[in-house]
Amino acid sequence: LATVQRIIHRHGGKIWAEGKVNQGAVFYFTVQ
């Protein structure tokens, strides 16, 4: 995920995540 963040930042974007224990997770990202 550290690698993913650097890739997204190099594309001028943002990445963030939301989750609940035992209820899944979602990762959001933008690319600009």
PDB file of all heavy atoms in Angstrom:
ATOM      1  N   LEU A   1       0.822  -1.216   0.000  1.00  0.00           N
ATOM      2  CA  LEU A   1       0.000   0.000   0.000  1.00  0.00           C
ATOM      3  C   LEU A   1       0.853   1.261   0.000  1.00  0.00           C
ATOM      4  O   LEU A   1       0.431   2.300  -0.523  1.00  0.00           O
ATOM      5  CB  LEU A   1      -0.944  -0.003   1.205  1.00  0.00           C
ATOM      6  CG  LEU A   1      -2.101  -0.990   1.125  1.00  0.00           C
ATOM      7  CD1 LEU A   1      -2.931  -0.955   2.400  1.00  0.00           C
ATOM      8  CD2 LEU A   1      -2.988  -0.689  -0.077  1.00  0.00           C
ATOM      9  N   ALA A   2       2.063   1.187   0.581  1.00  0.00           N
ATOM     10  CA  ALA A   2       2.976   2.325   0.503  1.00  0.00           C
ATOM     11  C   ALA A   2       3.368   2.576  -0.954  1.00  0.00           C
ATOM     12  O   ALA A   2       3.477   3.727  -1.396  1.00  0.00           O
ATOM     13  CB  ALA A   2       4.219   2.061   1.349  1.00  0.00           C
ATOM     14  N   THR A   3       3.569   1.491  -1.704  1.00  0.00           N
ATOM     15  CA  THR A   3       3.883   1.604  -3.127  1.00  0.00           C
ATOM     16  C   THR A   3       2.713   2.212  -3.889  1.00  0.00           C
ATOM     17  O   THR A   3       2.891   3.103  -4.726  1.00  0.00           O
ATOM     18  CB  THR A   3       4.226   0.221  -3.711  1.00  0.00           C
ATOM     19  OG1 THR A   3       5.352  -0.322  -3.021  1.00  0.00           O
ATOM     20  CG2 THR A   3       4.556   0.318  -5.191  1.00  0.00           C
ATOM     21  N   VAL A   4       1.505   1.746  -3.585  1.00  0.00           N
ATOM     22  CA  VAL A   4       0.314   2.282  -4.248  1.00  0.00           C
ATOM     23  C   VAL A   4       0.188   3.785  -3.992  1.00  0.00           C
ATOM     24  O   VAL A   4      -0.081   4.571  -4.910  1.00  0.00           O
ATOM     25  CB  VAL A   4      -0.957   1.564  -3.751  1.00  0.00           C
ATOM     26  CG1 VAL A   4      -2.206   2.247  -4.303  1.00  0.00           C
ATOM     27  CG2 VAL A   4      -0.941   0.103  -4.162  1.00  0.00           C
ATOM     28  N   GLN A   5       0.391   4.196  -2.751  1.00  0.00           N
ATOM     29  CA  GLN A   5       0.267   5.617  -2.421  1.00  0.00           C
ATOM     30  C   GLN A   5       1.253   6.464  -3.217  1.00  0.00           C
ATOM     31  O   GLN A   5       0.902   7.531  -3.726  1.00  0.00           O
ATOM     32  CB  GLN A   5       0.490   5.831  -0.928  1.00  0.00           C
ATOM     33  CG  GLN A   5       0.251   7.278  -0.495  1.00  0.00           C
ATOM     34  CD  GLN A   5       0.636   7.509   0.952  1.00  0.00           C
ATOM     35  OE1 GLN A   5       1.780   7.284   1.343  1.00  0.00           O
ATOM     36  NE2 GLN A   5      -0.313   7.950   1.760  1.00  0.00           N
ATOM     37  N   ARG A   6       2.479   5.993  -3.354  1.00  0.00           N
ATOM     38  CA  ARG A   6       3.483   6.747  -4.102  1.00  0.00           C
ATOM     39  C   ARG A   6       3.127   6.842  -5.575  1.00  0.00           C
ATOM     40  O   ARG A   6       3.344   7.868  -6.223  1.00  0.00           O
ATOM     41  CB  ARG A   6       4.868   6.118  -3.906  1.00  0.00           C
ATOM     42  CG  ARG A   6       5.505   6.536  -2.583  1.00  0.00           C
ATOM     43  CD  ARG A   6       6.553   5.544  -2.108  1.00  0.00           C
ATOM     44  NE  ARG A   6       7.202   6.009  -0.881  1.00  0.00           N
ATOM     45  CZ  ARG A   6       6.655   5.989   0.314  1.00  0.00           C
ATOM     46  NH1 ARG A   6       5.421   5.543   0.449  1.00  0.00           N
ATOM     47  NH2 ARG A   6       7.304   6.415   1.379  1.00  0.00           N
ATOM     48  N   ILE A   7       2.559   5.767  -6.113  1.00  0.00           N
ATOM     49  CA  ILE A   7       2.130   5.790  -7.516  1.00  0.00           C
ATOM     50  C   ILE A   7       1.012   6.811  -7.708  1.00  0.00           C
ATOM     51  O   ILE A   7       1.051   7.610  -8.651  1.00  0.00           O
ATOM     52  CB  ILE A   7       1.663   4.387  -7.952  1.00  0.00           C
ATOM     53  CG1 ILE A   7       2.856   3.434  -8.049  1.00  0.00           C
ATOM     54  CG2 ILE A   7       0.933   4.457  -9.299  1.00  0.00           C
ATOM     55  CD1 ILE A   7       2.478   1.989  -8.290  1.00  0.00           C
ATOM     56  N   ILE A   8       0.033   6.795  -6.829  1.00  0.00           N
ATOM     57  CA  ILE A   8      -1.088   7.733  -6.950  1.00  0.00           C
ATOM     58  C   ILE A   8      -0.616   9.172  -6.771  1.00  0.00           C
ATOM     59  O   ILE A   8      -1.034  10.079  -7.511  1.00  0.00           O
ATOM     60  CB  ILE A   8      -2.189   7.390  -5.922  1.00  0.00           C
ATOM     61  CG1 ILE A   8      -2.767   5.995  -6.193  1.00  0.00           C
ATOM     62  CG2 ILE A   8      -3.292   8.443  -5.957  1.00  0.00           C
ATOM     63  CD1 ILE A   8      -3.329   5.813  -7.582  1.00  0.00           C
ATOM     64  N   HIS A   9       0.270   9.397  -5.814  1.00  0.00           N
ATOM     65  CA  HIS A   9       0.786  10.750  -5.605  1.00  0.00           C
ATOM     66  C   HIS A   9       1.576  11.226  -6.822  1.00  0.00           C
ATOM     67  O   HIS A   9       1.523  12.416  -7.173  1.00  0.00           O
ATOM     68  CB  HIS A   9       1.673  10.793  -4.357  1.00  0.00           C
ATOM     69  CG  HIS A   9       0.892  10.760  -3.075  1.00  0.00           C
ATOM     70  ND1 HIS A   9       1.479  10.736  -1.827  1.00  0.00           N
ATOM     71  CD2 HIS A   9      -0.457  10.746  -2.852  1.00  0.00           C
ATOM     72  CE1 HIS A   9       0.531  10.722  -0.902  1.00  0.00           C
ATOM     73  NE2 HIS A   9      -0.630  10.715  -1.487  1.00  0.00           N
ATOM     74  N   ARG A  10       2.308  10.337  -7.465  1.00  0.00           N
ATOM     75  CA  ARG A  10       3.047  10.714  -8.666  1.00  0.00           C
ATOM     76  C   ARG A  10       2.101  11.097  -9.803  1.00  0.00           C
ATOM     77  O   ARG A  10       2.492  11.813 -10.726  1.00  0.00           O
ATOM     78  CB  ARG A  10       3.957   9.579  -9.132  1.00  0.00           C
ATOM     79  CG  ARG A  10       5.178   9.366  -8.249  1.00  0.00           C
ATOM     80  CD  ARG A  10       6.289   8.691  -9.019  1.00  0.00           C
ATOM     81  NE  ARG A  10       6.818   9.556 -10.062  1.00  0.00           N
ATOM     82  CZ  ARG A  10       7.665   9.153 -11.006  1.00  0.00           C
ATOM     83  NH1 ARG A  10       8.053   7.887 -11.052  1.00  0.00           N
ATOM     84  NH2 ARG A  10       8.101   9.984 -11.908  1.00  0.00           N
ATOM     85  N   HIS A  11       0.874  10.624  -9.732  1.00  0.00           N
ATOM     86  CA  HIS A  11      -0.132  10.972 -10.733  1.00  0.00           C
ATOM     87  C   HIS A  11      -0.982  12.158 -10.290  1.00  0.00           C
ATOM     88  O   HIS A  11      -2.051  12.410 -10.859  1.00  0.00           O
ATOM     89  CB  HIS A  11      -1.035   9.774 -11.010  1.00  0.00           C
ATOM     90  CG  HIS A  11      -0.408   8.725 -11.884  1.00  0.00           C
ATOM     91  ND1 HIS A  11       0.498   7.807 -11.411  1.00  0.00           N
ATOM     92  CD2 HIS A  11      -0.537   8.481 -13.215  1.00  0.00           C
ATOM     93  CE1 HIS A  11       0.872   7.020 -12.401  1.00  0.00           C
ATOM     94  NE2 HIS A  11       0.282   7.413 -13.501  1.00  0.00           N
ATOM     95  N   GLY A  12      -0.517  12.876  -9.275  1.00  0.00           N
ATOM     96  CA  GLY A  12      -1.233  14.058  -8.814  1.00  0.00           C
ATOM     97  C   GLY A  12      -2.550  13.742  -8.127  1.00  0.00           C
ATOM     98  O   GLY A  12      -3.417  14.613  -7.992  1.00  0.00           O
ATOM     99  N   GLY A  13      -2.715  12.498  -7.700  1.00  0.00           N
ATOM    100  CA  GLY A  13      -3.977  12.096  -7.101  1.00  0.00           C
ATOM    101  C   GLY A  13      -3.899  11.899  -5.607  1.00  0.00           C
ATOM    102  O   GLY A  13      -2.876  12.162  -4.963  1.00  0.00           O
ATOM    103  N   LYS A  14      -4.990  11.409  -5.052  1.00  0.00           N
ATOM    104  CA  LYS A  14      -5.081  11.117  -3.629  1.00  0.00           C
ATOM    105  C   LYS A  14      -5.601   9.696  -3.454  1.00  0.00           C
ATOM    106  O   LYS A  14      -6.314   9.172  -4.318  1.00  0.00           O
ATOM    107  CB  LYS A  14      -6.033  12.099  -2.934  1.00  0.00           C
ATOM    108  CG  LYS A  14      -5.576  13.552  -2.975  1.00  0.00           C
ATOM    109  CD  LYS A  14      -6.595  14.449  -2.281  1.00  0.00           C
ATOM    110  CE  LYS A  14      -6.164  15.911  -2.326  1.00  0.00           C
ATOM    111  NZ  LYS A  14      -7.160  16.798  -1.668  1.00  0.00           N
ATOM    112  N   ILE A  15      -5.273   9.084  -2.330  1.00  0.00           N
ATOM    113  CA  ILE A  15      -5.794   7.763  -2.008  1.00  0.00           C
ATOM    114  C   ILE A  15      -6.139   7.730  -0.526  1.00  0.00           C
ATOM    115  O   ILE A  15      -5.408   8.281   0.307  1.00  0.00           O
ATOM    116  CB  ILE A  15      -4.789   6.652  -2.374  1.00  0.00           C
ATOM    117  CG1 ILE A  15      -5.390   5.269  -2.071  1.00  0.00           C
ATOM    118  CG2 ILE A  15      -3.452   6.836  -1.657  1.00  0.00           C
ATOM    119  CD1 ILE A  15      -4.615   4.124  -2.671  1.00  0.00           C
ATOM    120  N   TRP A  16      -7.262   7.113  -0.213  1.00  0.00           N
ATOM    121  CA  TRP A  16      -7.673   6.987   1.177  1.00  0.00           C
ATOM    122  C   TRP A  16      -8.523   5.718   1.311  1.00  0.00           C
ATOM    123  O   TRP A  16      -8.906   5.102   0.304  1.00  0.00           O
ATOM    124  CB  TRP A  16      -8.433   8.221   1.650  1.00  0.00           C
ATOM    125  CG  TRP A  16      -9.742   8.485   0.969  1.00  0.00           C
ATOM    126  CD1 TRP A  16     -10.993   8.191   1.437  1.00  0.00           C
ATOM    127  CD2 TRP A  16      -9.943   9.146  -0.297  1.00  0.00           C
ATOM    128  NE1 TRP A  16     -11.959   8.606   0.555  1.00  0.00           N
ATOM    129  CE2 TRP A  16     -11.339   9.189  -0.522  1.00  0.00           C
ATOM    130  CE3 TRP A  16      -9.096   9.688  -1.262  1.00  0.00           C
ATOM    131  CZ2 TRP A  16     -11.907   9.755  -1.669  1.00  0.00           C
ATOM    132  CZ3 TRP A  16      -9.633  10.247  -2.406  1.00  0.00           C
ATOM    133  CH2 TRP A  16     -11.024  10.279  -2.612  1.00  0.00           C
ATOM    134  N   ALA A  17      -8.775   5.332   2.519  1.00  0.00           N
ATOM    135  CA  ALA A  17      -9.481   4.067   2.752  1.00  0.00           C
ATOM    136  C   ALA A  17     -10.472   4.207   3.891  1.00  0.00           C
ATOM    137  O   ALA A  17     -10.313   5.031   4.790  1.00  0.00           O
ATOM    138  CB  ALA A  17      -8.482   2.951   3.066  1.00  0.00           C
ATOM    139  N   GLU A  18     -11.507   3.376   3.845  1.00  0.00           N
ATOM    140  CA  GLU A  18     -12.490   3.270   4.912  1.00  0.00           C
ATOM    141  C   GLU A  18     -12.731   1.791   5.182  1.00  0.00           C
ATOM    142  O   GLU A  18     -12.694   0.971   4.265  1.00  0.00           O
ATOM    143  CB  GLU A  18     -13.812   3.945   4.515  1.00  0.00           C
ATOM    144  CG  GLU A  18     -13.689   5.438   4.260  1.00  0.00           C
ATOM    145  CD  GLU A  18     -14.982   6.037   3.718  1.00  0.00           C
ATOM    146  OE1 GLU A  18     -15.941   5.255   3.487  1.00  0.00           O
ATOM    147  OE2 GLU A  18     -15.032   7.257   3.510  1.00  0.00           O
ATOM    148  N   GLY A  19     -12.955   1.449   6.427  1.00  0.00           N
ATOM    149  CA  GLY A  19     -13.193   0.051   6.741  1.00  0.00           C
ATOM    150  C   GLY A  19     -13.883  -0.140   8.071  1.00  0.00           C
ATOM    151  O   GLY A  19     -13.941   0.764   8.909  1.00  0.00           O
ATOM    152  N   LYS A  20     -14.417  -1.347   8.251  1.00  0.00           N
ATOM    153  CA  LYS A  20     -14.984  -1.782   9.523  1.00  0.00           C
ATOM    154  C   LYS A  20     -14.500  -3.204   9.775  1.00  0.00           C
ATOM    155  O   LYS A  20     -14.432  -4.016   8.842  1.00  0.00           O
ATOM    156  CB  LYS A  20     -16.509  -1.745   9.494  1.00  0.00           C
ATOM    157  CG  LYS A  20     -17.104  -0.347   9.438  1.00  0.00           C
ATOM    158  CD  LYS A  20     -18.624  -0.403   9.510  1.00  0.00           C
ATOM    159  CE  LYS A  20     -19.230   1.001   9.490  1.00  0.00           C
ATOM    160  NZ  LYS A  20     -20.718   0.949   9.554  1.00  0.00           N
ATOM    161  N   VAL A  21     -14.153  -3.493  10.996  1.00  0.00           N
ATOM    162  CA  VAL A  21     -13.636  -4.815  11.342  1.00  0.00           C
ATOM    163  C   VAL A  21     -14.654  -5.891  10.974  1.00  0.00           C
ATOM    164  O   VAL A  21     -15.829  -5.806  11.340  1.00  0.00           O
ATOM    165  CB  VAL A  21     -13.293  -4.891  12.842  1.00  0.00           C
ATOM    166  CG1 VAL A  21     -12.841  -6.306  13.216  1.00  0.00           C
ATOM    167  CG2 VAL A  21     -12.202  -3.882  13.183  1.00  0.00           C
ATOM    168  N   ASN A  22     -14.182  -6.855  10.186  1.00  0.00           N
ATOM    169  CA  ASN A  22     -14.991  -7.996   9.724  1.00  0.00           C
ATOM    170  C   ASN A  22     -16.155  -7.600   8.829  1.00  0.00           C
ATOM    171  O   ASN A  22     -17.039  -8.425   8.553  1.00  0.00           O
ATOM    172  CB  ASN A  22     -15.530  -8.808  10.912  1.00  0.00           C
ATOM    173  CG  ASN A  22     -14.423  -9.452  11.720  1.00  0.00           C
ATOM    174  OD1 ASN A  22     -13.423  -9.911  11.174  1.00  0.00           O
ATOM    175  ND2 ASN A  22     -14.586  -9.468  13.032  1.00  0.00           N
ATOM    176  N   GLN A  23     -16.143  -6.365   8.342  1.00  0.00           N
ATOM    177  CA  GLN A  23     -17.213  -5.912   7.451  1.00  0.00           C
ATOM    178  C   GLN A  23     -16.672  -5.342   6.140  1.00  0.00           C
ATOM    179  O   GLN A  23     -17.403  -4.703   5.392  1.00  0.00           O
ATOM    180  CB  GLN A  23     -18.086  -4.872   8.153  1.00  0.00           C
ATOM    181  CG  GLN A  23     -18.848  -5.418   9.349  1.00  0.00           C
ATOM    182  CD  GLN A  23     -19.786  -4.387   9.953  1.00  0.00           C
ATOM    183  OE1 GLN A  23     -20.514  -3.701   9.230  1.00  0.00           O
ATOM    184  NE2 GLN A  23     -19.786  -4.270  11.273  1.00  0.00           N
ATOM    185  N   GLY A  24     -15.402  -5.561   5.875  1.00  0.00           N
ATOM    186  CA  GLY A  24     -14.859  -5.151   4.594  1.00  0.00           C
ATOM    187  C   GLY A  24     -14.172  -3.798   4.603  1.00  0.00           C
ATOM    188  O   GLY A  24     -14.114  -3.108   5.621  1.00  0.00           O
ATOM    189  N   ALA A  25     -13.637  -3.452   3.441  1.00  0.00           N
ATOM    190  CA  ALA A  25     -12.896  -2.203   3.282  1.00  0.00           C
ATOM    191  C   ALA A  25     -13.118  -1.657   1.878  1.00  0.00           C
ATOM    192  O   ALA A  25     -13.481  -2.398   0.957  1.00  0.00           O
ATOM    193  CB  ALA A  25     -11.398  -2.441   3.512  1.00  0.00           C
ATOM    194  N   VAL A  26     -12.912  -0.375   1.741  1.00  0.00           N
ATOM    195  CA  VAL A  26     -12.976   0.249   0.420  1.00  0.00           C
ATOM    196  C   VAL A  26     -11.827   1.236   0.305  1.00  0.00           C
ATOM    197  O   VAL A  26     -11.563   2.013   1.222  1.00  0.00           O
ATOM    198  CB  VAL A  26     -14.344   0.939   0.172  1.00  0.00           C
ATOM    199  CG1 VAL A  26     -14.672   1.918   1.285  1.00  0.00           C
ATOM    200  CG2 VAL A  26     -14.369   1.610  -1.179  1.00  0.00           C
ATOM    201  N   PHE A  27     -11.117   1.157  -0.818  1.00  0.00           N
ATOM    202  CA  PHE A  27     -10.012   2.061  -1.111  1.00  0.00           C
ATOM    203  C   PHE A  27     -10.426   2.972  -2.254  1.00  0.00           C
ATOM    204  O   PHE A  27     -10.859   2.497  -3.312  1.00  0.00           O
ATOM    205  CB  PHE A  27      -8.753   1.280  -1.496  1.00  0.00           C
ATOM    206  CG  PHE A  27      -8.086   0.620  -0.319  1.00  0.00           C
ATOM    207  CD1 PHE A  27      -8.562  -0.587   0.171  1.00  0.00           C
ATOM    208  CD2 PHE A  27      -6.998   1.212   0.302  1.00  0.00           C
ATOM    209  CE1 PHE A  27      -7.961  -1.195   1.266  1.00  0.00           C
ATOM    210  CE2 PHE A  27      -6.391   0.619   1.396  1.00  0.00           C
ATOM    211  CZ  PHE A  27      -6.878  -0.591   1.880  1.00  0.00           C
ATOM    212  N   TYR A  28     -10.294   4.275  -2.027  1.00  0.00           N
ATOM    213  CA  TYR A  28     -10.630   5.276  -3.030  1.00  0.00           C
ATOM    214  C   TYR A  28      -9.343   5.914  -3.558  1.00  0.00           C
ATOM    215  O   TYR A  28      -8.388   6.105  -2.805  1.00  0.00           O
ATOM    216  CB  TYR A  28     -11.496   6.388  -2.427  1.00  0.00           C
ATOM    217  CG  TYR A  28     -12.775   5.937  -1.780  1.00  0.00           C
ATOM    218  CD1 TYR A  28     -12.827   5.665  -0.410  1.00  0.00           C
ATOM    219  CD2 TYR A  28     -13.945   5.805  -2.520  1.00  0.00           C
ATOM    220  CE1 TYR A  28     -14.009   5.264   0.198  1.00  0.00           C
ATOM    221  CE2 TYR A  28     -15.126   5.411  -1.913  1.00  0.00           C
ATOM    222  CZ  TYR A  28     -15.153   5.140  -0.556  1.00  0.00           C
ATOM    223  OH  TYR A  28     -16.314   4.752   0.051  1.00  0.00           O
ATOM    224  N   PHE A  29      -9.336   6.270  -4.847  1.00  0.00           N
ATOM    225  CA  PHE A  29      -8.189   7.021  -5.369  1.00  0.00           C
ATOM    226  C   PHE A  29      -8.608   7.876  -6.557  1.00  0.00           C
ATOM    227  O   PHE A  29      -9.578   7.569  -7.258  1.00  0.00           O
ATOM    228  CB  PHE A  29      -7.032   6.091  -5.750  1.00  0.00           C
ATOM    229  CG  PHE A  29      -7.303   5.166  -6.908  1.00  0.00           C
ATOM    230  CD1 PHE A  29      -6.981   5.544  -8.218  1.00  0.00           C
ATOM    231  CD2 PHE A  29      -7.867   3.915  -6.702  1.00  0.00           C
ATOM    232  CE1 PHE A  29      -7.216   4.697  -9.278  1.00  0.00           C
ATOM    233  CE2 PHE A  29      -8.106   3.054  -7.761  1.00  0.00           C
ATOM    234  CZ  PHE A  29      -7.778   3.444  -9.060  1.00  0.00           C
ATOM    235  N   THR A  30      -7.871   8.957  -6.742  1.00  0.00           N
ATOM    236  CA  THR A  30      -8.056   9.835  -7.891  1.00  0.00           C
ATOM    237  C   THR A  30      -6.763   9.870  -8.699  1.00  0.00           C
ATOM    238  O   THR A  30      -5.687   9.565  -8.165  1.00  0.00           O
ATOM    239  CB  THR A  30      -8.426  11.268  -7.461  1.00  0.00           C
ATOM    240  OG1 THR A  30      -7.349  11.816  -6.674  1.00  0.00           O
ATOM    241  CG2 THR A  30      -9.704  11.279  -6.631  1.00  0.00           C
ATOM    242  N   VAL A  31      -6.872  10.240  -9.959  1.00  0.00           N
ATOM    243  CA  VAL A  31      -5.711  10.307 -10.844  1.00  0.00           C
ATOM    244  C   VAL A  31      -5.797  11.592 -11.639  1.00  0.00           C
ATOM    245  O   VAL A  31      -6.757  11.795 -12.410  1.00  0.00           O
ATOM    246  CB  VAL A  31      -5.664   9.099 -11.804  1.00  0.00           C
ATOM    247  CG1 VAL A  31      -4.470   9.212 -12.734  1.00  0.00           C
ATOM    248  CG2 VAL A  31      -5.616   7.796 -11.028  1.00  0.00           C
ATOM    249  N   GLN A  32      -4.836  12.476 -11.461  1.00  0.00           N
ATOM    250  CA  GLN A  32      -4.794  13.747 -12.191  1.00  0.00           C
ATOM    251  C   GLN A  32      -3.348  14.071 -12.615  1.00  0.00           C
ATOM    252  O   GLN A  32      -2.733  15.004 -12.085  1.00  0.00           O
ATOM    253  CB  GLN A  32      -5.330  14.887 -11.330  1.00  0.00           C
ATOM    254  CG  GLN A  32      -6.835  14.807 -11.051  1.00  0.00           C
ATOM    255  CD  GLN A  32      -7.296  15.999 -10.244  1.00  0.00           C
ATOM    256  OE1 GLN A  32      -7.021  16.109  -9.049  1.00  0.00           O
ATOM    257  NE2 GLN A  32      -7.980  16.910 -10.900  1.00  0.00           N
TER     258      GLN A  32
END
